[in-house]
């Protein structure tokens, strides 16, 4: 996987709760989806996703950071002093998502995808 999960920060804190990912190899973000899930056992997560965030098309490089806030905001980037870029995204929820210890994210990487034809 070209991205790694760093942590879910400020769980349950409105306007601060966020998912932090780090880029380990150059990647196109549109091939990544974050699913909201929960642990059902210490080593197993539920296969019924509660919500998903599909990243827009953007190229990220090793050392870049991705911060996905669960609240609302405008996507943007910030170039850091070390030359890396921090990419900020917003899931758009009015309430926090990670309110208990069993809540987690699942990061999916896909090389291709299909959508059903319109109206079917």
PDB file of N, CA and C in Angstrom:
ATOM      1  N   UNK A   1       0.850  -1.176   0.000  1.00  0.00           N
ATOM      2  CA  UNK A   1       0.000   0.000   0.000  1.00  0.00           C
ATOM      3  C   UNK A   1       0.894   1.237   0.000  1.00  0.00           C
ATOM      4  N   UNK A   2       0.528   2.205  -0.786  1.00  0.00           N
ATOM      5  CA  UNK A   2       1.336   3.415  -0.946  1.00  0.00           C
ATOM      6  C   UNK A   2       1.056   4.469   0.122  1.00  0.00           C
ATOM      7  N   UNK A   3      -0.049   4.318   0.830  1.00  0.00           N
ATOM      8  CA  UNK A   3      -0.398   5.195   1.949  1.00  0.00           C
ATOM      9  C   UNK A   3      -0.404   4.366   3.215  1.00  0.00           C
ATOM     10  N   UNK A   4      -0.189   5.007   4.329  1.00  0.00           N
ATOM     11  CA  UNK A   4      -0.337   4.303   5.597  1.00  0.00           C
ATOM     12  C   UNK A   4      -1.168   5.137   6.562  1.00  0.00           C
ATOM     13  N   UNK A   5      -1.872   4.456   7.429  1.00  0.00           N
ATOM     14  CA  UNK A   5      -2.665   5.131   8.459  1.00  0.00           C
ATOM     15  C   UNK A   5      -1.731   5.520   9.596  1.00  0.00           C
ATOM     16  N   UNK A   6      -1.728   6.790   9.952  1.00  0.00           N
ATOM     17  CA  UNK A   6      -0.932   7.257  11.071  1.00  0.00           C
ATOM     18  C   UNK A   6      -1.773   7.189  12.344  1.00  0.00           C
ATOM     19  N   UNK A   7      -2.981   7.767  12.283  1.00  0.00           N
ATOM     20  CA  UNK A   7      -3.855   7.749  13.466  1.00  0.00           C
ATOM     21  C   UNK A   7      -5.180   8.424  13.157  1.00  0.00           C
ATOM     22  N   UNK A   8      -6.119   8.246  14.066  1.00  0.00           N
ATOM     23  CA  UNK A   8      -7.331   9.054  14.122  1.00  0.00           C
ATOM     24  C   UNK A   8      -7.115   9.989  15.305  1.00  0.00           C
ATOM     25  N   UNK A   9      -7.068  11.282  15.052  1.00  0.00           N
ATOM     26  CA  UNK A   9      -6.728  12.261  16.082  1.00  0.00           C
ATOM     27  C   UNK A   9      -7.969  12.986  16.594  1.00  0.00           C
ATOM     28  N   UNK A  10      -7.911  13.383  17.848  1.00  0.00           N
ATOM     29  CA  UNK A  10      -8.962  14.171  18.501  1.00  0.00           C
ATOM     30  C   UNK A  10     -10.340  13.543  18.328  1.00  0.00           C
ATOM     31  N   UNK A  11     -10.424  12.251  18.621  1.00  0.00           N
ATOM     32  CA  UNK A  11     -11.705  11.525  18.539  1.00  0.00           C
ATOM     33  C   UNK A  11     -12.780  12.231  19.350  1.00  0.00           C
ATOM     34  N   UNK A  12     -13.924  12.447  18.722  1.00  0.00           N
ATOM     35  CA  UNK A  12     -15.069  13.034  19.410  1.00  0.00           C
ATOM     36  C   UNK A  12     -14.997  14.532  19.625  1.00  0.00           C
ATOM     37  N   UNK A  13     -13.966  15.188  19.117  1.00  0.00           N
ATOM     38  CA  UNK A  13     -13.813  16.639  19.291  1.00  0.00           C
ATOM     39  C   UNK A  13     -14.322  17.329  18.025  1.00  0.00           C
ATOM     40  N   UNK A  14     -15.451  18.053  18.116  1.00  0.00           N
ATOM     41  CA  UNK A  14     -15.999  18.718  16.931  1.00  0.00           C
ATOM     42  C   UNK A  14     -14.986  19.657  16.276  1.00  0.00           C
ATOM     43  N   UNK A  15     -14.971  19.679  14.957  1.00  0.00           N
ATOM     44  CA  UNK A  15     -14.120  20.543  14.136  1.00  0.00           C
ATOM     45  C   UNK A  15     -12.620  20.261  14.273  1.00  0.00           C
ATOM     46  N   UNK A  16     -12.253  19.211  15.005  1.00  0.00           N
ATOM     47  CA  UNK A  16     -10.840  18.850  15.132  1.00  0.00           C
ATOM     48  C   UNK A  16     -10.599  17.377  14.815  1.00  0.00           C
ATOM     49  N   UNK A  17     -11.626  16.545  14.948  1.00  0.00           N
ATOM     50  CA  UNK A  17     -11.492  15.118  14.693  1.00  0.00           C
ATOM     51  C   UNK A  17     -11.020  14.897  13.257  1.00  0.00           C
ATOM     52  N   UNK A  18      -9.987  14.042  13.088  1.00  0.00           N
ATOM     53  CA  UNK A  18      -9.418  13.869  11.759  1.00  0.00           C
ATOM     54  C   UNK A  18      -8.685  12.539  11.645  1.00  0.00           C
ATOM     55  N   UNK A  19      -8.570  12.105  10.396  1.00  0.00           N
ATOM     56  CA  UNK A  19      -7.794  10.924  10.035  1.00  0.00           C
ATOM     57  C   UNK A  19      -6.489  11.434   9.437  1.00  0.00           C
ATOM     58  N   UNK A  20      -5.378  10.875   9.885  1.00  0.00           N
ATOM     59  CA  UNK A  20      -4.065  11.295   9.397  1.00  0.00           C
ATOM     60  C   UNK A  20      -3.440  10.121   8.653  1.00  0.00           C
ATOM     61  N   UNK A  21      -3.089  10.348   7.379  1.00  0.00           N
ATOM     62  CA  UNK A  21      -2.435   9.355   6.540  1.00  0.00           C
ATOM     63  C   UNK A  21      -1.084   9.904   6.095  1.00  0.00           C
ATOM     64  N   UNK A  22      -0.149   9.004   5.847  1.00  0.00           N
ATOM     65  CA  UNK A  22       1.164   9.389   5.371  1.00  0.00           C
ATOM     66  C   UNK A  22       1.426   8.685   4.046  1.00  0.00           C
ATOM     67  N   UNK A  23       2.101   9.381   3.134  1.00  0.00           N
ATOM     68  CA  UNK A  23       2.401   8.831   1.813  1.00  0.00           C
ATOM     69  C   UNK A  23       3.784   8.184   1.858  1.00  0.00           C
ATOM     70  N   UNK A  24       3.864   6.888   1.494  1.00  0.00           N
ATOM     71  CA  UNK A  24       5.144   6.190   1.486  1.00  0.00           C
ATOM     72  C   UNK A  24       5.686   5.981   0.072  1.00  0.00           C
ATOM     73  N   UNK A  25       4.795   6.003  -0.928  1.00  0.00           N
ATOM     74  CA  UNK A  25       5.196   5.938  -2.335  1.00  0.00           C
ATOM     75  C   UNK A  25       4.281   6.860  -3.130  1.00  0.00           C
ATOM     76  N   UNK A  26       4.780   7.406  -4.236  1.00  0.00           N
ATOM     77  CA  UNK A  26       3.945   8.280  -5.065  1.00  0.00           C
ATOM     78  C   UNK A  26       2.646   7.551  -5.403  1.00  0.00           C
ATOM     79  N   UNK A  27       1.538   8.280  -5.348  1.00  0.00           N
ATOM     80  CA  UNK A  27       0.229   7.673  -5.566  1.00  0.00           C
ATOM     81  C   UNK A  27      -0.744   8.688  -6.141  1.00  0.00           C
ATOM     82  N   UNK A  28      -1.790   8.180  -6.757  1.00  0.00           N
ATOM     83  CA  UNK A  28      -2.921   8.983  -7.198  1.00  0.00           C
ATOM     84  C   UNK A  28      -4.045   8.738  -6.210  1.00  0.00           C
ATOM     85  N   UNK A  29      -4.471   9.788  -5.526  1.00  0.00           N
ATOM     86  CA  UNK A  29      -5.445   9.624  -4.439  1.00  0.00           C
ATOM     87  C   UNK A  29      -6.793   9.076  -4.886  1.00  0.00           C
ATOM     88  N   UNK A  30      -7.165   9.278  -6.149  1.00  0.00           N
ATOM     89  CA  UNK A  30      -8.487   8.818  -6.585  1.00  0.00           C
ATOM     90  C   UNK A  30      -8.628   7.302  -6.551  1.00  0.00           C
ATOM     91  N   UNK A  31      -7.544   6.582  -6.259  1.00  0.00           N
ATOM     92  CA  UNK A  31      -7.617   5.131  -6.103  1.00  0.00           C
ATOM     93  C   UNK A  31      -7.716   4.713  -4.637  1.00  0.00           C
ATOM     94  N   UNK A  32      -8.022   5.671  -3.747  1.00  0.00           N
ATOM     95  CA  UNK A  32      -8.104   5.379  -2.314  1.00  0.00           C
ATOM     96  C   UNK A  32      -9.452   5.799  -1.750  1.00  0.00           C
ATOM     97  N   UNK A  33      -9.962   4.943  -0.878  1.00  0.00           N
ATOM     98  CA  UNK A  33     -11.231   5.178  -0.193  1.00  0.00           C
ATOM     99  C   UNK A  33     -11.024   4.896   1.287  1.00  0.00           C
ATOM    100  N   UNK A  34     -11.541   5.757   2.135  1.00  0.00           N
ATOM    101  CA  UNK A  34     -11.559   5.532   3.574  1.00  0.00           C
ATOM    102  C   UNK A  34     -12.975   5.120   3.950  1.00  0.00           C
ATOM    103  N   UNK A  35     -13.089   3.990   4.649  1.00  0.00           N
ATOM    104  CA  UNK A  35     -14.386   3.522   5.133  1.00  0.00           C
ATOM    105  C   UNK A  35     -14.455   3.687   6.636  1.00  0.00           C
ATOM    106  N   UNK A  36     -15.574   4.183   7.117  1.00  0.00           N
ATOM    107  CA  UNK A  36     -15.824   4.222   8.548  1.00  0.00           C
ATOM    108  C   UNK A  36     -16.307   2.838   8.947  1.00  0.00           C
ATOM    109  N   UNK A  37     -15.693   2.255   9.953  1.00  0.00           N
ATOM    110  CA  UNK A  37     -16.081   0.921  10.397  1.00  0.00           C
ATOM    111  C   UNK A  37     -15.958   0.848  11.908  1.00  0.00           C
ATOM    112  N   UNK A  38     -15.982  -0.389  12.427  1.00  0.00           N
ATOM    113  CA  UNK A  38     -15.806  -0.585  13.869  1.00  0.00           C
ATOM    114  C   UNK A  38     -15.225  -1.965  14.090  1.00  0.00           C
ATOM    115  N   UNK A  39     -14.475  -2.078  15.178  1.00  0.00           N
ATOM    116  CA  UNK A  39     -13.939  -3.376  15.558  1.00  0.00           C
ATOM    117  C   UNK A  39     -15.059  -4.233  16.151  1.00  0.00           C
ATOM    118  N   UNK A  40     -15.161  -5.462  15.681  1.00  0.00           N
ATOM    119  CA  UNK A  40     -16.131  -6.401  16.254  1.00  0.00           C
ATOM    120  C   UNK A  40     -15.435  -7.445  17.118  1.00  0.00           C
ATOM    121  N   UNK A  41     -14.128  -7.577  16.953  1.00  0.00           N
ATOM    122  CA  UNK A  41     -13.237  -8.395  17.766  1.00  0.00           C
ATOM    123  C   UNK A  41     -11.920  -7.641  17.831  1.00  0.00           C
ATOM    124  N   UNK A  42     -11.047  -7.990  18.740  1.00  0.00           N
ATOM    125  CA  UNK A  42      -9.772  -7.269  18.808  1.00  0.00           C
ATOM    126  C   UNK A  42      -8.980  -7.270  17.508  1.00  0.00           C
ATOM    127  N   UNK A  43      -9.178  -8.274  16.646  1.00  0.00           N
ATOM    128  CA  UNK A  43      -8.416  -8.357  15.405  1.00  0.00           C
ATOM    129  C   UNK A  43      -9.301  -8.423  14.162  1.00  0.00           C
ATOM    130  N   UNK A  44     -10.564  -7.977  14.274  1.00  0.00           N
ATOM    131  CA  UNK A  44     -11.483  -8.040  13.128  1.00  0.00           C
ATOM    132  C   UNK A  44     -12.392  -6.816  13.113  1.00  0.00           C
ATOM    133  N   UNK A  45     -12.601  -6.274  11.902  1.00  0.00           N
ATOM    134  CA  UNK A  45     -13.506  -5.139  11.744  1.00  0.00           C
ATOM    135  C   UNK A  45     -14.780  -5.593  11.040  1.00  0.00           C
ATOM    136  N   UNK A  46     -15.835  -4.834  11.221  1.00  0.00           N
ATOM    137  CA  UNK A  46     -17.115  -5.123  10.584  1.00  0.00           C
ATOM    138  C   UNK A  46     -16.994  -4.965   9.079  1.00  0.00           C
ATOM    139  N   UNK A  47     -17.670  -5.838   8.332  1.00  0.00           N
ATOM    140  CA  UNK A  47     -17.654  -5.698   6.877  1.00  0.00           C
ATOM    141  C   UNK A  47     -18.839  -4.876   6.380  1.00  0.00           C
ATOM    142  N   UNK A  48     -19.577  -4.262   7.290  1.00  0.00           N
ATOM    143  CA  UNK A  48     -20.657  -3.361   6.888  1.00  0.00           C
ATOM    144  C   UNK A  48     -20.208  -1.928   7.158  1.00  0.00           C
ATOM    145  N   UNK A  49     -19.760  -1.278   6.110  1.00  0.00           N
ATOM    146  CA  UNK A  49     -19.272   0.091   6.221  1.00  0.00           C
ATOM    147  C   UNK A  49     -20.423   1.040   6.534  1.00  0.00           C
ATOM    148  N   UNK A  50     -20.159   2.015   7.375  1.00  0.00           N
ATOM    149  CA  UNK A  50     -21.175   2.991   7.738  1.00  0.00           C
ATOM    150  C   UNK A  50     -21.129   4.219   6.840  1.00  0.00           C
ATOM    151  N   UNK A  51     -19.967   4.532   6.282  1.00  0.00           N
ATOM    152  CA  UNK A  51     -19.816   5.688   5.410  1.00  0.00           C
ATOM    153  C   UNK A  51     -18.469   5.585   4.718  1.00  0.00           C
ATOM    154  N   UNK A  52     -18.330   6.289   3.592  1.00  0.00           N
ATOM    155  CA  UNK A  52     -17.073   6.238   2.845  1.00  0.00           C
ATOM    156  C   UNK A  52     -16.669   7.628   2.374  1.00  0.00           C
ATOM    157  N   UNK A  53     -15.366   7.851   2.278  1.00  0.00           N
ATOM    158  CA  UNK A  53     -14.825   9.066   1.676  1.00  0.00           C
ATOM    159  C   UNK A  53     -13.889   8.629   0.560  1.00  0.00           C
ATOM    160  N   UNK A  54     -14.219   9.022  -0.672  1.00  0.00           N
ATOM    161  CA  UNK A  54     -13.412   8.697  -1.845  1.00  0.00           C
ATOM    162  C   UNK A  54     -12.626   9.945  -2.190  1.00  0.00           C
ATOM    163  N   UNK A  55     -11.321   9.827  -2.159  1.00  0.00           N
ATOM    164  CA  UNK A  55     -10.468  10.983  -2.412  1.00  0.00           C
ATOM    165  C   UNK A  55     -10.559  11.428  -3.872  1.00  0.00           C
ATOM    166  N   UNK A  56     -10.455  12.721  -4.123  1.00  0.00           N
ATOM    167  CA  UNK A  56     -10.435  13.231  -5.502  1.00  0.00           C
ATOM    168  C   UNK A  56      -9.080  12.957  -6.147  1.00  0.00           C
ATOM    169  N   UNK A  57      -9.005  13.165  -7.449  1.00  0.00           N
ATOM    170  CA  UNK A  57      -7.756  12.954  -8.180  1.00  0.00           C
ATOM    171  C   UNK A  57      -6.718  13.975  -7.740  1.00  0.00           C
ATOM    172  N   UNK A  58      -5.598  13.485  -7.259  1.00  0.00           N
ATOM    173  CA  UNK A  58      -4.459  14.321  -6.891  1.00  0.00           C
ATOM    174  C   UNK A  58      -3.250  13.395  -6.790  1.00  0.00           C
ATOM    175  N   UNK A  59      -2.112  13.853  -7.215  1.00  0.00           N
ATOM    176  CA  UNK A  59      -0.890  13.073  -7.077  1.00  0.00           C
ATOM    177  C   UNK A  59      -0.206  13.475  -5.785  1.00  0.00           C
ATOM    178  N   UNK A  60       0.171  12.488  -4.988  1.00  0.00           N
ATOM    179  CA  UNK A  60       0.881  12.738  -3.732  1.00  0.00           C
ATOM    180  C   UNK A  60       2.227  12.027  -3.794  1.00  0.00           C
ATOM    181  N   UNK A  61       3.191  12.581  -3.075  1.00  0.00           N
ATOM    182  CA  UNK A  61       4.571  12.089  -3.140  1.00  0.00           C
ATOM    183  C   UNK A  61       5.024  11.583  -1.770  1.00  0.00           C
ATOM    184  N   UNK A  62       6.033  10.715  -1.751  1.00  0.00           N
ATOM    185  CA  UNK A  62       6.550  10.228  -0.461  1.00  0.00           C
ATOM    186  C   UNK A  62       6.882  11.391   0.471  1.00  0.00           C
ATOM    187  N   UNK A  63       6.480  11.249   1.726  1.00  0.00           N
ATOM    188  CA  UNK A  63       6.695  12.306   2.715  1.00  0.00           C
ATOM    189  C   UNK A  63       5.522  13.244   2.862  1.00  0.00           C
ATOM    190  N   UNK A  64       4.613  13.268   1.869  1.00  0.00           N
ATOM    191  CA  UNK A  64       3.408  14.093   1.995  1.00  0.00           C
ATOM    192  C   UNK A  64       2.506  13.527   3.083  1.00  0.00           C
ATOM    193  N   UNK A  65       1.692  14.397   3.640  1.00  0.00           N
ATOM    194  CA  UNK A  65       0.720  14.003   4.658  1.00  0.00           C
ATOM    195  C   UNK A  65      -0.681  14.303   4.135  1.00  0.00           C
ATOM    196  N   UNK A  66      -1.634  13.464   4.528  1.00  0.00           N
ATOM    197  CA  UNK A  66      -3.031  13.656   4.152  1.00  0.00           C
ATOM    198  C   UNK A  66      -3.827  13.731   5.441  1.00  0.00           C
ATOM    199  N   UNK A  67      -4.590  14.802   5.591  1.00  0.00           N
ATOM    200  CA  UNK A  67      -5.412  15.005   6.778  1.00  0.00           C
ATOM    201  C   UNK A  67      -6.860  15.104   6.320  1.00  0.00           C
ATOM    202  N   UNK A  68      -7.672  14.173   6.789  1.00  0.00           N
ATOM    203  CA  UNK A  68      -9.096  14.135   6.452  1.00  0.00           C
ATOM    204  C   UNK A  68      -9.893  14.481   7.693  1.00  0.00           C
ATOM    205  N   UNK A  69     -10.401  15.717   7.752  1.00  0.00           N
ATOM    206  CA  UNK A  69     -11.262  16.133   8.864  1.00  0.00           C
ATOM    207  C   UNK A  69     -12.646  15.523   8.665  1.00  0.00           C
ATOM    208  N   UNK A  70     -13.298  15.126   9.738  1.00  0.00           N
ATOM    209  CA  UNK A  70     -14.639  14.552   9.611  1.00  0.00           C
ATOM    210  C   UNK A  70     -15.696  15.636   9.431  1.00  0.00           C
ATOM    211  N   UNK A  71     -15.399  16.869   9.784  1.00  0.00           N
ATOM    212  CA  UNK A  71     -16.341  17.973   9.648  1.00  0.00           C
ATOM    213  C   UNK A  71     -16.284  18.627   8.275  1.00  0.00           C
ATOM    214  N   UNK A  72     -16.827  19.828   8.211  1.00  0.00           N
ATOM    215  CA  UNK A  72     -16.919  20.562   6.943  1.00  0.00           C
ATOM    216  C   UNK A  72     -15.742  21.508   6.763  1.00  0.00           C
ATOM    217  N   UNK A  73     -15.448  21.804   5.517  1.00  0.00           N
ATOM    218  CA  UNK A  73     -14.389  22.745   5.197  1.00  0.00           C
ATOM    219  C   UNK A  73     -14.081  22.694   3.716  1.00  0.00           C
ATOM    220  N   UNK A  74     -13.087  23.435   3.318  1.00  0.00           N
ATOM    221  CA  UNK A  74     -12.677  23.538   1.922  1.00  0.00           C
ATOM    222  C   UNK A  74     -11.342  22.822   1.748  1.00  0.00           C
ATOM    223  N   UNK A  75     -11.263  21.891   0.802  1.00  0.00           N
ATOM    224  CA  UNK A  75     -10.015  21.180   0.543  1.00  0.00           C
ATOM    225  C   UNK A  75      -8.916  22.168   0.182  1.00  0.00           C
ATOM    226  N   UNK A  76      -7.715  21.926   0.701  1.00  0.00           N
ATOM    227  CA  UNK A  76      -6.587  22.796   0.402  1.00  0.00           C
ATOM    228  C   UNK A  76      -5.278  22.069   0.672  1.00  0.00           C
ATOM    229  N   UNK A  77      -4.171  22.716   0.360  1.00  0.00           N
ATOM    230  CA  UNK A  77      -2.847  22.150   0.609  1.00  0.00           C
ATOM    231  C   UNK A  77      -1.959  23.190   1.267  1.00  0.00           C
ATOM    232  N   UNK A  78      -0.903  22.686   1.907  1.00  0.00           N
ATOM    233  CA  UNK A  78       0.096  23.573   2.517  1.00  0.00           C
ATOM    234  C   UNK A  78       1.471  22.957   2.263  1.00  0.00           C
ATOM    235  N   UNK A  79       2.367  23.725   1.689  1.00  0.00           N
ATOM    236  CA  UNK A  79       3.744  23.275   1.484  1.00  0.00           C
ATOM    237  C   UNK A  79       4.505  23.518   2.787  1.00  0.00           C
ATOM    238  N   UNK A  80       5.149  22.454   3.269  1.00  0.00           N
ATOM    239  CA  UNK A  80       5.876  22.529   4.538  1.00  0.00           C
ATOM    240  C   UNK A  80       7.318  22.984   4.299  1.00  0.00           C
ATOM    241  N   UNK A  81       8.005  23.376   5.355  1.00  0.00           N
ATOM    242  CA  UNK A  81       9.382  23.859   5.247  1.00  0.00           C
ATOM    243  C   UNK A  81      10.323  22.802   4.684  1.00  0.00           C
ATOM    244  N   UNK A  82      10.018  21.522   4.899  1.00  0.00           N
ATOM    245  CA  UNK A  82      10.887  20.453   4.403  1.00  0.00           C
ATOM    246  C   UNK A  82      10.610  20.111   2.933  1.00  0.00           C
ATOM    247  N   UNK A  83       9.662  20.834   2.301  1.00  0.00           N
ATOM    248  CA  UNK A  83       9.341  20.613   0.900  1.00  0.00           C
ATOM    249  C   UNK A  83       8.191  19.656   0.655  1.00  0.00           C
ATOM    250  N   UNK A  84       7.749  18.947   1.687  1.00  0.00           N
ATOM    251  CA  UNK A  84       6.597  18.064   1.528  1.00  0.00           C
ATOM    252  C   UNK A  84       5.315  18.902   1.514  1.00  0.00           C
ATOM    253  N   UNK A  85       4.213  18.249   1.176  1.00  0.00           N
ATOM    254  CA  UNK A  85       2.917  18.938   1.134  1.00  0.00           C
ATOM    255  C   UNK A  85       1.943  18.234   2.055  1.00  0.00           C
ATOM    256  N   UNK A  86       1.183  19.003   2.802  1.00  0.00           N
ATOM    257  CA  UNK A  86       0.082  18.458   3.592  1.00  0.00           C
ATOM    258  C   UNK A  86      -1.203  18.772   2.829  1.00  0.00           C
ATOM    259  N   UNK A  87      -1.973  17.729   2.561  1.00  0.00           N
ATOM    260  CA  UNK A  87      -3.225  17.831   1.811  1.00  0.00           C
ATOM    261  C   UNK A  87      -4.376  17.719   2.806  1.00  0.00           C
ATOM    262  N   UNK A  88      -5.257  18.716   2.823  1.00  0.00           N
ATOM    263  CA  UNK A  88      -6.384  18.734   3.754  1.00  0.00           C
ATOM    264  C   UNK A  88      -7.686  18.463   2.998  1.00  0.00           C
ATOM    265  N   UNK A  89      -8.473  17.527   3.520  1.00  0.00           N
ATOM    266  CA  UNK A  89      -9.780  17.184   2.952  1.00  0.00           C
ATOM    267  C   UNK A  89     -10.810  17.174   4.073  1.00  0.00           C
ATOM    268  N   UNK A  90     -12.084  17.265   3.689  1.00  0.00           N
ATOM    269  CA  UNK A  90     -13.169  17.364   4.662  1.00  0.00           C
ATOM    270  C   UNK A  90     -14.288  16.410   4.267  1.00  0.00           C
ATOM    271  N   UNK A  91     -14.701  15.572   5.228  1.00  0.00           N
ATOM    272  CA  UNK A  91     -15.724  14.550   4.994  1.00  0.00           C
ATOM    273  C   UNK A  91     -17.111  15.167   4.967  1.00  0.00           C
ATOM    274  N   UNK A  92     -17.330  16.244   5.719  1.00  0.00           N
ATOM    275  CA  UNK A  92     -18.585  16.982   5.653  1.00  0.00           C
ATOM    276  C   UNK A  92     -19.667  16.584   6.653  1.00  0.00           C
ATOM    277  N   UNK A  93     -19.310  15.860   7.701  1.00  0.00           N
ATOM    278  CA  UNK A  93     -20.310  15.476   8.698  1.00  0.00           C
ATOM    279  C   UNK A  93     -20.551  16.597   9.699  1.00  0.00           C
ATOM    280  N   UNK A  94     -21.781  16.683  10.194  1.00  0.00           N
ATOM    281  CA  UNK A  94     -22.121  17.680  11.213  1.00  0.00           C
ATOM    282  C   UNK A  94     -21.707  17.211  12.599  1.00  0.00           C
ATOM    283  N   UNK A  95     -21.661  15.896  12.792  1.00  0.00           N
ATOM    284  CA  UNK A  95     -21.303  15.325  14.088  1.00  0.00           C
ATOM    285  C   UNK A  95     -20.002  14.528  13.960  1.00  0.00           C
ATOM    286  N   UNK A  96     -19.342  14.319  15.086  1.00  0.00           N
ATOM    287  CA  UNK A  96     -18.117  13.524  15.072  1.00  0.00           C
ATOM    288  C   UNK A  96     -18.450  12.061  14.793  1.00  0.00           C
ATOM    289  N   UNK A  97     -17.470  11.318  14.289  1.00  0.00           N
ATOM    290  CA  UNK A  97     -17.678   9.922  13.896  1.00  0.00           C
ATOM    291  C   UNK A  97     -17.038   8.923  14.846  1.00  0.00           C
ATOM    292  N   UNK A  98     -15.981   9.323  15.507  1.00  0.00           N
ATOM    293  CA  UNK A  98     -15.205   8.393  16.323  1.00  0.00           C
ATOM    294  C   UNK A  98     -15.462   8.641  17.803  1.00  0.00           C
ATOM    295  N   UNK A  99     -16.652   8.264  18.244  1.00  0.00           N
ATOM    296  CA  UNK A  99     -17.081   8.566  19.599  1.00  0.00           C
ATOM    297  C   UNK A  99     -16.854   7.428  20.584  1.00  0.00           C
ATOM    298  N   UNK A 100     -16.395   6.285  20.103  1.00  0.00           N
ATOM    299  CA  UNK A 100     -16.055   5.205  21.019  1.00  0.00           C
ATOM    300  C   UNK A 100     -14.829   4.458  20.498  1.00  0.00           C
ATOM    301  N   UNK A 101     -14.226   3.669  21.354  1.00  0.00           N
ATOM    302  CA  UNK A 101     -12.958   3.007  21.028  1.00  0.00           C
ATOM    303  C   UNK A 101     -13.091   1.974  19.922  1.00  0.00           C
ATOM    304  N   UNK A 102     -14.295   1.474  19.647  1.00  0.00           N
ATOM    305  CA  UNK A 102     -14.446   0.463  18.597  1.00  0.00           C
ATOM    306  C   UNK A 102     -14.506   1.077  17.191  1.00  0.00           C
ATOM    307  N   UNK A 103     -14.730   2.379  17.084  1.00  0.00           N
ATOM    308  CA  UNK A 103     -14.769   3.041  15.774  1.00  0.00           C
ATOM    309  C   UNK A 103     -13.378   3.057  15.153  1.00  0.00           C
ATOM    310  N   UNK A 104     -13.327   2.817  13.855  1.00  0.00           N
ATOM    311  CA  UNK A 104     -12.040   2.821  13.164  1.00  0.00           C
ATOM    312  C   UNK A 104     -12.253   3.167  11.691  1.00  0.00           C
ATOM    313  N   UNK A 105     -11.147   3.301  10.977  1.00  0.00           N
ATOM    314  CA  UNK A 105     -11.227   3.449   9.533  1.00  0.00           C
ATOM    315  C   UNK A 105     -10.570   2.240   8.883  1.00  0.00           C
ATOM    316  N   UNK A 106     -11.018   1.973   7.676  1.00  0.00           N
ATOM    317  CA  UNK A 106     -10.385   0.980   6.816  1.00  0.00           C
ATOM    318  C   UNK A 106      -9.974   1.744   5.570  1.00  0.00           C
ATOM    319  N   UNK A 107      -8.718   1.632   5.197  1.00  0.00           N
ATOM    320  CA  UNK A 107      -8.204   2.300   4.011  1.00  0.00           C
ATOM    321  C   UNK A 107      -8.129   1.279   2.887  1.00  0.00           C
ATOM    322  N   UNK A 108      -8.811   1.565   1.781  1.00  0.00           N
ATOM    323  CA  UNK A 108      -8.808   0.682   0.619  1.00  0.00           C
ATOM    324  C   UNK A 108      -8.027   1.313  -0.513  1.00  0.00           C
ATOM    325  N   UNK A 109      -7.252   0.479  -1.203  1.00  0.00           N
ATOM    326  CA  UNK A 109      -6.522   0.905  -2.391  1.00  0.00           C
ATOM    327  C   UNK A 109      -7.026   0.053  -3.556  1.00  0.00           C
ATOM    328  N   UNK A 110      -7.446   0.716  -4.629  1.00  0.00           N
ATOM    329  CA  UNK A 110      -7.919  -0.011  -5.795  1.00  0.00           C
ATOM    330  C   UNK A 110      -7.197   0.465  -7.039  1.00  0.00           C
ATOM    331  N   UNK A 111      -6.954  -0.445  -7.953  1.00  0.00           N
ATOM    332  CA  UNK A 111      -6.267  -0.050  -9.184  1.00  0.00           C
ATOM    333  C   UNK A 111      -7.250   0.318 -10.281  1.00  0.00           C
ATOM    334  N   UNK A 112      -8.502  -0.068 -10.120  1.00  0.00           N
ATOM    335  CA  UNK A 112      -9.523   0.250 -11.108  1.00  0.00           C
ATOM    336  C   UNK A 112     -10.884   0.206 -10.430  1.00  0.00           C
ATOM    337  N   UNK A 113     -11.892   0.739 -11.103  1.00  0.00           N
ATOM    338  CA  UNK A 113     -13.238   0.697 -10.555  1.00  0.00           C
ATOM    339  C   UNK A 113     -14.244   0.813 -11.688  1.00  0.00           C
ATOM    340  N   UNK A 114     -15.471   0.415 -11.403  1.00  0.00           N
ATOM    341  CA  UNK A 114     -16.592   0.503 -12.350  1.00  0.00           C
ATOM    342  C   UNK A 114     -17.788   1.091 -11.632  1.00  0.00           C
ATOM    343  N   UNK A 115     -18.601   1.814 -12.368  1.00  0.00           N
ATOM    344  CA  UNK A 115     -19.875   2.318 -11.853  1.00  0.00           C
ATOM    345  C   UNK A 115     -20.991   1.764 -12.726  1.00  0.00           C
ATOM    346  N   UNK A 116     -22.132   1.523 -12.124  1.00  0.00           N
ATOM    347  CA  UNK A 116     -23.263   1.057 -12.926  1.00  0.00           C
ATOM    348  C   UNK A 116     -23.703   2.174 -13.869  1.00  0.00           C
ATOM    349  N   UNK A 117     -24.265   1.818 -15.026  1.00  0.00           N
ATOM    350  CA  UNK A 117     -24.774   2.856 -15.932  1.00  0.00           C
ATOM    351  C   UNK A 117     -25.866   3.673 -15.247  1.00  0.00           C
ATOM    352  N   UNK A 118     -25.986   4.924 -15.637  1.00  0.00           N
ATOM    353  CA  UNK A 118     -27.023   5.790 -15.052  1.00  0.00           C
ATOM    354  C   UNK A 118     -28.413   5.164 -15.219  1.00  0.00           C
ATOM    355  N   UNK A 119     -29.186   5.277 -14.171  1.00  0.00           N
ATOM    356  CA  UNK A 119     -30.573   4.841 -14.218  1.00  0.00           C
ATOM    357  C   UNK A 119     -30.781   3.351 -14.090  1.00  0.00           C
ATOM    358  N   UNK A 120     -29.724   2.583 -13.836  1.00  0.00           N
ATOM    359  CA  UNK A 120     -29.922   1.145 -13.677  1.00  0.00           C
ATOM    360  C   UNK A 120     -29.685   0.714 -12.266  1.00  0.00           C
TER     361      UNK A 120
END
